[in-house]
Amino acid sequence: MVYVNYCEKSDLGNPRCQRLSDLDSKTVEQDKAWYADRNPNTNEPKTTAQMFFTVYYAEKGDKMLHHFQGKIDIGTGNGGIISQLKI
């Protein structure tokens, strides 16, 4: 599960708690769309947003819940949560 602590575009953080795969799919789609919509004068994306989140997970055989916090930039062409965490 992932909890969206803050997102500059509130519709991406609604609901605040989501399955990681669902939110990753949403952020991948939004990143592609915003990255493709560029300002012709600067060639920069017209829209970008930062998202701060906390991922909660349990390791196999572990009875304790672990978590880590992260931040991604959406609209920069770097993909969703999972691909940006690999960078």
PDB file of N, CA and C in Angstrom:
ATOM      1  N   MET A   1       0.848  -1.175   0.000  1.00  0.00           N
ATOM      2  CA  MET A   1       0.000   0.000   0.000  1.00  0.00           C
ATOM      3  C   MET A   1       0.889   1.231   0.000  1.00  0.00           C
ATOM      4  N   VAL A   2       0.333   2.279  -0.593  1.00  0.00           N
ATOM      5  CA  VAL A   2       1.049   3.549  -0.614  1.00  0.00           C
ATOM      6  C   VAL A   2       0.105   4.637  -0.116  1.00  0.00           C
ATOM      7  N   TYR A   3       0.642   5.514   0.685  1.00  0.00           N
ATOM      8  CA  TYR A   3      -0.102   6.637   1.223  1.00  0.00           C
ATOM      9  C   TYR A   3       0.477   7.902   0.608  1.00  0.00           C
ATOM     10  N   VAL A   4      -0.363   8.715  -0.024  1.00  0.00           N
ATOM     11  CA  VAL A   4       0.094   9.958  -0.637  1.00  0.00           C
ATOM     12  C   VAL A   4       0.118  11.033   0.447  1.00  0.00           C
ATOM     13  N   ASN A   5       1.316  11.434   0.834  1.00  0.00           N
ATOM     14  CA  ASN A   5       1.462  12.473   1.856  1.00  0.00           C
ATOM     15  C   ASN A   5       1.081  13.836   1.296  1.00  0.00           C
ATOM     16  N   TYR A   6       1.517  14.099   0.050  1.00  0.00           N
ATOM     17  CA  TYR A   6       1.217  15.380  -0.604  1.00  0.00           C
ATOM     18  C   TYR A   6       1.452  15.223  -2.092  1.00  0.00           C
ATOM     19  N   CYS A   7       0.589  15.835  -2.877  1.00  0.00           N
ATOM     20  CA  CYS A   7       0.791  15.907  -4.323  1.00  0.00           C
ATOM     21  C   CYS A   7       0.313  17.270  -4.788  1.00  0.00           C
ATOM     22  N   GLU A   8       1.119  17.913  -5.638  1.00  0.00           N
ATOM     23  CA  GLU A   8       0.755  19.247  -6.138  1.00  0.00           C
ATOM     24  C   GLU A   8      -0.535  19.218  -6.952  1.00  0.00           C
ATOM     25  N   LYS A   9      -0.858  18.080  -7.532  1.00  0.00           N
ATOM     26  CA  LYS A   9      -2.131  17.902  -8.242  1.00  0.00           C
ATOM     27  C   LYS A   9      -2.973  16.946  -7.412  1.00  0.00           C
ATOM     28  N   SER A  10      -3.916  17.473  -6.670  1.00  0.00           N
ATOM     29  CA  SER A  10      -4.635  16.697  -5.656  1.00  0.00           C
ATOM     30  C   SER A  10      -5.402  15.507  -6.217  1.00  0.00           C
ATOM     31  N   ASP A  11      -5.812  15.552  -7.487  1.00  0.00           N
ATOM     32  CA  ASP A  11      -6.560  14.422  -8.046  1.00  0.00           C
ATOM     33  C   ASP A  11      -5.719  13.150  -8.111  1.00  0.00           C
ATOM     34  N   LEU A  12      -4.398  13.264  -8.214  1.00  0.00           N
ATOM     35  CA  LEU A  12      -3.533  12.082  -8.228  1.00  0.00           C
ATOM     36  C   LEU A  12      -3.404  11.458  -6.833  1.00  0.00           C
ATOM     37  N   GLY A  13      -3.630  12.251  -5.806  1.00  0.00           N
ATOM     38  CA  GLY A  13      -3.520  11.751  -4.453  1.00  0.00           C
ATOM     39  C   GLY A  13      -4.853  11.376  -3.833  1.00  0.00           C
ATOM     40  N   ASN A  14      -5.836  11.150  -4.671  1.00  0.00           N
ATOM     41  CA  ASN A  14      -7.163  10.805  -4.171  1.00  0.00           C
ATOM     42  C   ASN A  14      -7.575   9.454  -4.716  1.00  0.00           C
ATOM     43  N   PRO A  15      -7.801   8.442  -3.929  1.00  0.00           N
ATOM     44  CA  PRO A  15      -7.743   8.426  -2.470  1.00  0.00           C
ATOM     45  C   PRO A  15      -6.302   8.484  -1.972  1.00  0.00           C
ATOM     46  N   ARG A  16      -6.127   8.893  -0.739  1.00  0.00           N
ATOM     47  CA  ARG A  16      -4.787   9.054  -0.169  1.00  0.00           C
ATOM     48  C   ARG A  16      -4.071   7.722  -0.008  1.00  0.00           C
ATOM     49  N   CYS A  17      -4.806   6.655   0.285  1.00  0.00           N
ATOM     50  CA  CYS A  17      -4.219   5.335   0.472  1.00  0.00           C
ATOM     51  C   CYS A  17      -4.677   4.437  -0.678  1.00  0.00           C
ATOM     52  N   GLN A  18      -3.712   3.884  -1.429  1.00  0.00           N
ATOM     53  CA  GLN A  18      -4.024   3.089  -2.622  1.00  0.00           C
ATOM     54  C   GLN A  18      -3.047   1.920  -2.721  1.00  0.00           C
ATOM     55  N   ARG A  19      -3.424   0.966  -3.564  1.00  0.00           N
ATOM     56  CA  ARG A  19      -2.468  -0.102  -3.895  1.00  0.00           C
ATOM     57  C   ARG A  19      -1.340   0.521  -4.704  1.00  0.00           C
ATOM     58  N   LEU A  20      -0.128   0.104  -4.434  1.00  0.00           N
ATOM     59  CA  LEU A  20       1.029   0.655  -5.134  1.00  0.00           C
ATOM     60  C   LEU A  20       0.889   0.478  -6.643  1.00  0.00           C
ATOM     61  N   SER A  21       0.436  -0.686  -7.091  1.00  0.00           N
ATOM     62  CA  SER A  21       0.314  -0.928  -8.532  1.00  0.00           C
ATOM     63  C   SER A  21      -0.710   0.006  -9.174  1.00  0.00           C
ATOM     64  N   ASP A  22      -1.796   0.315  -8.471  1.00  0.00           N
ATOM     65  CA  ASP A  22      -2.816   1.221  -9.009  1.00  0.00           C
ATOM     66  C   ASP A  22      -2.285   2.642  -9.141  1.00  0.00           C
ATOM     67  N   LEU A  23      -1.634   3.133  -8.095  1.00  0.00           N
ATOM     68  CA  LEU A  23      -1.099   4.493  -8.149  1.00  0.00           C
ATOM     69  C   LEU A  23       0.052   4.584  -9.147  1.00  0.00           C
ATOM     70  N   ASP A  24       0.854   3.540  -9.249  1.00  0.00           N
ATOM     71  CA  ASP A  24       1.933   3.539 -10.232  1.00  0.00           C
ATOM     72  C   ASP A  24       1.365   3.650 -11.641  1.00  0.00           C
ATOM     73  N   SER A  25       0.303   2.909 -11.937  1.00  0.00           N
ATOM     74  CA  SER A  25      -0.324   2.984 -13.263  1.00  0.00           C
ATOM     75  C   SER A  25      -0.832   4.394 -13.550  1.00  0.00           C
ATOM     76  N   LYS A  26      -1.467   5.013 -12.551  1.00  0.00           N
ATOM     77  CA  LYS A  26      -1.986   6.377 -12.725  1.00  0.00           C
ATOM     78  C   LYS A  26      -0.862   7.365 -12.986  1.00  0.00           C
ATOM     79  N   THR A  27       0.228   7.239 -12.228  1.00  0.00           N
ATOM     80  CA  THR A  27       1.323   8.193 -12.393  1.00  0.00           C
ATOM     81  C   THR A  27       2.066   7.976 -13.710  1.00  0.00           C
ATOM     82  N   VAL A  28       2.159   6.733 -14.175  1.00  0.00           N
ATOM     83  CA  VAL A  28       2.781   6.460 -15.479  1.00  0.00           C
ATOM     84  C   VAL A  28       1.965   7.129 -16.584  1.00  0.00           C
ATOM     85  N   GLU A  29       0.664   6.940 -16.571  1.00  0.00           N
ATOM     86  CA  GLU A  29      -0.203   7.538 -17.596  1.00  0.00           C
ATOM     87  C   GLU A  29      -0.128   9.063 -17.566  1.00  0.00           C
ATOM     88  N   GLN A  30      -0.189   9.638 -16.362  1.00  0.00           N
ATOM     89  CA  GLN A  30      -0.151  11.097 -16.250  1.00  0.00           C
ATOM     90  C   GLN A  30       1.206  11.648 -16.666  1.00  0.00           C
ATOM     91  N   ASP A  31       2.279  10.956 -16.308  1.00  0.00           N
ATOM     92  CA  ASP A  31       3.617  11.385 -16.694  1.00  0.00           C
ATOM     93  C   ASP A  31       3.756  11.426 -18.222  1.00  0.00           C
ATOM     94  N   LYS A  32       3.268  10.401 -18.890  1.00  0.00           N
ATOM     95  CA  LYS A  32       3.336  10.360 -20.364  1.00  0.00           C
ATOM     96  C   LYS A  32       2.552  11.502 -20.985  1.00  0.00           C
ATOM     97  N   ALA A  33       1.344  11.728 -20.481  1.00  0.00           N
ATOM     98  CA  ALA A  33       0.483  12.777 -21.043  1.00  0.00           C
ATOM     99  C   ALA A  33       1.097  14.165 -20.846  1.00  0.00           C
ATOM    100  N   TRP A  34       1.548  14.462 -19.647  1.00  0.00           N
ATOM    101  CA  TRP A  34       2.126  15.781 -19.380  1.00  0.00           C
ATOM    102  C   TRP A  34       3.454  15.966 -20.092  1.00  0.00           C
ATOM    103  N   TYR A  35       4.256  14.920 -20.179  1.00  0.00           N
ATOM    104  CA  TYR A  35       5.549  15.026 -20.856  1.00  0.00           C
ATOM    105  C   TYR A  35       5.360  15.285 -22.356  1.00  0.00           C
ATOM    106  N   ALA A  36       4.306  14.734 -22.928  1.00  0.00           N
ATOM    107  CA  ALA A  36       4.036  14.922 -24.357  1.00  0.00           C
ATOM    108  C   ALA A  36       3.513  16.331 -24.662  1.00  0.00           C
ATOM    109  N   ASP A  37       2.876  16.977 -23.693  1.00  0.00           N
ATOM    110  CA  ASP A  37       2.313  18.317 -23.879  1.00  0.00           C
ATOM    111  C   ASP A  37       3.363  19.358 -23.505  1.00  0.00           C
ATOM    112  N   ARG A  38       4.126  19.795 -24.518  1.00  0.00           N
ATOM    113  CA  ARG A  38       5.264  20.676 -24.263  1.00  0.00           C
ATOM    114  C   ARG A  38       5.036  22.091 -24.776  1.00  0.00           C
ATOM    115  N   ASN A  39       5.706  23.022 -24.135  1.00  0.00           N
ATOM    116  CA  ASN A  39       5.696  24.412 -24.571  1.00  0.00           C
ATOM    117  C   ASN A  39       6.577  24.512 -25.819  1.00  0.00           C
ATOM    118  N   PRO A  40       6.040  24.998 -26.939  1.00  0.00           N
ATOM    119  CA  PRO A  40       6.835  25.037 -28.175  1.00  0.00           C
ATOM    120  C   PRO A  40       8.051  25.965 -28.101  1.00  0.00           C
ATOM    121  N   ASN A  41       8.016  26.967 -27.244  1.00  0.00           N
ATOM    122  CA  ASN A  41       9.140  27.907 -27.141  1.00  0.00           C
ATOM    123  C   ASN A  41      10.296  27.361 -26.311  1.00  0.00           C
ATOM    124  N   THR A  42       9.979  26.611 -25.260  1.00  0.00           N
ATOM    125  CA  THR A  42      11.029  26.137 -24.356  1.00  0.00           C
ATOM    126  C   THR A  42      11.265  24.638 -24.450  1.00  0.00           C
ATOM    127  N   ASN A  43      10.339  23.912 -25.070  1.00  0.00           N
ATOM    128  CA  ASN A  43      10.357  22.452 -25.168  1.00  0.00           C
ATOM    129  C   ASN A  43      10.256  21.777 -23.797  1.00  0.00           C
ATOM    130  N   GLU A  44       9.825  22.507 -22.794  1.00  0.00           N
ATOM    131  CA  GLU A  44       9.608  21.964 -21.453  1.00  0.00           C
ATOM    132  C   GLU A  44       8.152  21.534 -21.321  1.00  0.00           C
ATOM    133  N   PRO A  45       7.864  20.519 -20.510  1.00  0.00           N
ATOM    134  CA  PRO A  45       6.464  20.133 -20.277  1.00  0.00           C
ATOM    135  C   PRO A  45       5.687  21.304 -19.676  1.00  0.00           C
ATOM    136  N   LYS A  46       4.451  21.479 -20.123  1.00  0.00           N
ATOM    137  CA  LYS A  46       3.619  22.567 -19.608  1.00  0.00           C
ATOM    138  C   LYS A  46       3.188  22.311 -18.175  1.00  0.00           C
ATOM    139  N   THR A  47       3.046  21.043 -17.796  1.00  0.00           N
ATOM    140  CA  THR A  47       2.581  20.688 -16.457  1.00  0.00           C
ATOM    141  C   THR A  47       3.503  19.650 -15.840  1.00  0.00           C
ATOM    142  N   THR A  48       3.900  19.896 -14.616  1.00  0.00           N
ATOM    143  CA  THR A  48       4.627  18.910 -13.817  1.00  0.00           C
ATOM    144  C   THR A  48       4.093  18.984 -12.385  1.00  0.00           C
ATOM    145  N   ALA A  49       4.343  17.961 -11.615  1.00  0.00           N
ATOM    146  CA  ALA A  49       3.921  17.953 -10.216  1.00  0.00           C
ATOM    147  C   ALA A  49       4.839  17.037  -9.415  1.00  0.00           C
ATOM    148  N   GLN A  50       5.050  17.390  -8.173  1.00  0.00           N
ATOM    149  CA  GLN A  50       5.788  16.525  -7.260  1.00  0.00           C
ATOM    150  C   GLN A  50       4.797  15.777  -6.386  1.00  0.00           C
ATOM    151  N   MET A  51       5.155  14.539  -6.083  1.00  0.00           N
ATOM    152  CA  MET A  51       4.345  13.719  -5.185  1.00  0.00           C
ATOM    153  C   MET A  51       5.261  13.156  -4.098  1.00  0.00           C
ATOM    154  N   PHE A  52       4.830  13.307  -2.858  1.00  0.00           N
ATOM    155  CA  PHE A  52       5.528  12.740  -1.707  1.00  0.00           C
ATOM    156  C   PHE A  52       4.650  11.626  -1.164  1.00  0.00           C
ATOM    157  N   PHE A  53       5.245  10.486  -0.881  1.00  0.00           N
ATOM    158  CA  PHE A  53       4.451   9.320  -0.497  1.00  0.00           C
ATOM    159  C   PHE A  53       5.203   8.458   0.501  1.00  0.00           C
ATOM    160  N   THR A  54       4.443   7.563   1.148  1.00  0.00           N
ATOM    161  CA  THR A  54       5.002   6.552   2.033  1.00  0.00           C
ATOM    162  C   THR A  54       4.499   5.195   1.569  1.00  0.00           C
ATOM    163  N   VAL A  55       5.420   4.274   1.327  1.00  0.00           N
ATOM    164  CA  VAL A  55       5.060   2.914   0.920  1.00  0.00           C
ATOM    165  C   VAL A  55       5.140   2.020   2.158  1.00  0.00           C
ATOM    166  N   TYR A  56       4.067   1.267   2.402  1.00  0.00           N
ATOM    167  CA  TYR A  56       4.008   0.317   3.512  1.00  0.00           C
ATOM    168  C   TYR A  56       4.050  -1.094   2.933  1.00  0.00           C
ATOM    169  N   TYR A  57       4.885  -1.955   3.510  1.00  0.00           N
ATOM    170  CA  TYR A  57       5.019  -3.311   2.990  1.00  0.00           C
ATOM    171  C   TYR A  57       5.444  -4.267   4.104  1.00  0.00           C
ATOM    172  N   ALA A  58       5.188  -5.532   3.881  1.00  0.00           N
ATOM    173  CA  ALA A  58       5.635  -6.586   4.799  1.00  0.00           C
ATOM    174  C   ALA A  58       6.510  -7.554   4.012  1.00  0.00           C
ATOM    175  N   GLU A  59       7.610  -7.938   4.583  1.00  0.00           N
ATOM    176  CA  GLU A  59       8.475  -8.920   3.935  1.00  0.00           C
ATOM    177  C   GLU A  59       7.976 -10.314   4.278  1.00  0.00           C
ATOM    178  N   LYS A  60       8.235 -11.267   3.406  1.00  0.00           N
ATOM    179  CA  LYS A  60       7.757 -12.640   3.597  1.00  0.00           C
ATOM    180  C   LYS A  60       8.221 -13.196   4.943  1.00  0.00           C
ATOM    181  N   GLY A  61       7.282 -13.732   5.669  1.00  0.00           N
ATOM    182  CA  GLY A  61       7.589 -14.326   6.955  1.00  0.00           C
ATOM    183  C   GLY A  61       7.756 -13.329   8.089  1.00  0.00           C
ATOM    184  N   ASP A  62       7.669 -12.062   7.781  1.00  0.00           N
ATOM    185  CA  ASP A  62       7.844 -11.018   8.781  1.00  0.00           C
ATOM    186  C   ASP A  62       6.480 -10.562   9.280  1.00  0.00           C
ATOM    187  N   LYS A  63       6.326 -10.431  10.569  1.00  0.00           N
ATOM    188  CA  LYS A  63       5.047 -10.005  11.132  1.00  0.00           C
ATOM    189  C   LYS A  63       4.991  -8.495  11.348  1.00  0.00           C
ATOM    190  N   MET A  64       6.060  -7.821  10.993  1.00  0.00           N
ATOM    191  CA  MET A  64       6.127  -6.382  11.185  1.00  0.00           C
ATOM    192  C   MET A  64       5.928  -5.649   9.860  1.00  0.00           C
ATOM    193  N   LEU A  65       5.261  -4.525   9.899  1.00  0.00           N
ATOM    194  CA  LEU A  65       5.049  -3.703   8.718  1.00  0.00           C
ATOM    195  C   LEU A  65       6.214  -2.727   8.591  1.00  0.00           C
ATOM    196  N   HIS A  66       6.792  -2.661   7.409  1.00  0.00           N
ATOM    197  CA  HIS A  66       7.895  -1.750   7.139  1.00  0.00           C
ATOM    198  C   HIS A  66       7.377  -0.605   6.277  1.00  0.00           C
ATOM    199  N   HIS A  67       8.155   0.466   6.205  1.00  0.00           N
ATOM    200  CA  HIS A  67       7.760   1.574   5.338  1.00  0.00           C
ATOM    201  C   HIS A  67       8.998   2.365   4.909  1.00  0.00           C
ATOM    202  N   PHE A  68       8.826   3.096   3.824  1.00  0.00           N
ATOM    203  CA  PHE A  68       9.838   4.060   3.409  1.00  0.00           C
ATOM    204  C   PHE A  68       9.132   5.209   2.711  1.00  0.00           C
ATOM    205  N   GLN A  69       9.768   6.356   2.739  1.00  0.00           N
ATOM    206  CA  GLN A  69       9.190   7.537   2.113  1.00  0.00           C
ATOM    207  C   GLN A  69       9.944   7.862   0.830  1.00  0.00           C
ATOM    208  N   GLY A  70       9.225   8.452  -0.112  1.00  0.00           N
ATOM    209  CA  GLY A  70       9.841   8.812  -1.371  1.00  0.00           C
ATOM    210  C   GLY A  70       9.179  10.026  -1.988  1.00  0.00           C
ATOM    211  N   LYS A  71       9.771  10.478  -3.081  1.00  0.00           N
ATOM    212  CA  LYS A  71       9.269  11.633  -3.827  1.00  0.00           C
ATOM    213  C   LYS A  71       9.509  11.363  -5.303  1.00  0.00           C
ATOM    214  N   ILE A  72       8.518  11.699  -6.123  1.00  0.00           N
ATOM    215  CA  ILE A  72       8.706  11.591  -7.567  1.00  0.00           C
ATOM    216  C   ILE A  72       8.262  12.885  -8.232  1.00  0.00           C
ATOM    217  N   ASP A  73       8.750  13.086  -9.440  1.00  0.00           N
ATOM    218  CA  ASP A  73       8.326  14.192 -10.289  1.00  0.00           C
ATOM    219  C   ASP A  73       7.494  13.605 -11.413  1.00  0.00           C
ATOM    220  N   ILE A  74       6.289  14.103 -11.575  1.00  0.00           N
ATOM    221  CA  ILE A  74       5.383  13.618 -12.613  1.00  0.00           C
ATOM    222  C   ILE A  74       5.364  14.643 -13.744  1.00  0.00           C
ATOM    223  N   GLY A  75       5.491  14.168 -14.974  1.00  0.00           N
ATOM    224  CA  GLY A  75       5.496  15.042 -16.139  1.00  0.00           C
ATOM    225  C   GLY A  75       6.879  15.284 -16.703  1.00  0.00           C
ATOM    226  N   THR A  76       7.881  14.667 -16.124  1.00  0.00           N
ATOM    227  CA  THR A  76       9.262  14.862 -16.567  1.00  0.00           C
ATOM    228  C   THR A  76       9.746  13.773 -17.519  1.00  0.00           C
ATOM    229  N   GLY A  77       8.883  12.783 -17.763  1.00  0.00           N
ATOM    230  CA  GLY A  77       9.250  11.705 -18.666  1.00  0.00           C
ATOM    231  C   GLY A  77       9.982  10.558 -17.990  1.00  0.00           C
ATOM    232  N   ASN A  78       9.984  10.544 -16.664  1.00  0.00           N
ATOM    233  CA  ASN A  78      10.694   9.490 -15.931  1.00  0.00           C
ATOM    234  C   ASN A  78       9.791   8.349 -15.487  1.00  0.00           C
ATOM    235  N   GLY A  79       8.521   8.373 -15.876  1.00  0.00           N
ATOM    236  CA  GLY A  79       7.621   7.276 -15.550  1.00  0.00           C
ATOM    237  C   GLY A  79       6.929   7.460 -14.218  1.00  0.00           C
ATOM    238  N   GLY A  80       6.485   6.330 -13.654  1.00  0.00           N
ATOM    239  CA  GLY A  80       5.718   6.338 -12.416  1.00  0.00           C
ATOM    240  C   GLY A  80       6.580   6.098 -11.189  1.00  0.00           C
ATOM    241  N   ILE A  81       5.923   5.706 -10.130  1.00  0.00           N
ATOM    242  CA  ILE A  81       6.599   5.506  -8.849  1.00  0.00           C
ATOM    243  C   ILE A  81       7.685   4.444  -8.943  1.00  0.00           C
ATOM    244  N   ILE A  82       7.351   3.293  -9.453  1.00  0.00           N
ATOM    245  CA  ILE A  82       8.292   2.164  -9.459  1.00  0.00           C
ATOM    246  C   ILE A  82       9.520   2.464 -10.307  1.00  0.00           C
ATOM    247  N   SER A  83       9.324   3.020 -11.488  1.00  0.00           N
ATOM    248  CA  SER A  83      10.484   3.301 -12.345  1.00  0.00           C
ATOM    249  C   SER A  83      11.347   4.398 -11.761  1.00  0.00           C
ATOM    250  N   GLN A  84      10.759   5.364 -11.080  1.00  0.00           N
ATOM    251  CA  GLN A  84      11.568   6.430 -10.488  1.00  0.00           C
ATOM    252  C   GLN A  84      12.294   5.962  -9.225  1.00  0.00           C
ATOM    253  N   LEU A  85      11.748   4.981  -8.535  1.00  0.00           N
ATOM    254  CA  LEU A  85      12.438   4.442  -7.372  1.00  0.00           C
ATOM    255  C   LEU A  85      13.678   3.654  -7.784  1.00  0.00           C
ATOM    256  N   LYS A  86      13.673   3.100  -8.999  1.00  0.00           N
ATOM    257  CA  LYS A  86      14.809   2.315  -9.493  1.00  0.00           C
ATOM    258  C   LYS A  86      15.974   3.191  -9.912  1.00  0.00           C
ATOM    259  N   ILE A  87      15.724   4.471 -10.149  1.00  0.00           N
ATOM    260  CA  ILE A  87      16.774   5.389 -10.631  1.00  0.00           C
ATOM    261  C   ILE A  87      17.786   5.669  -9.552  1.00  0.00           C
TER     262      ILE A  87
END
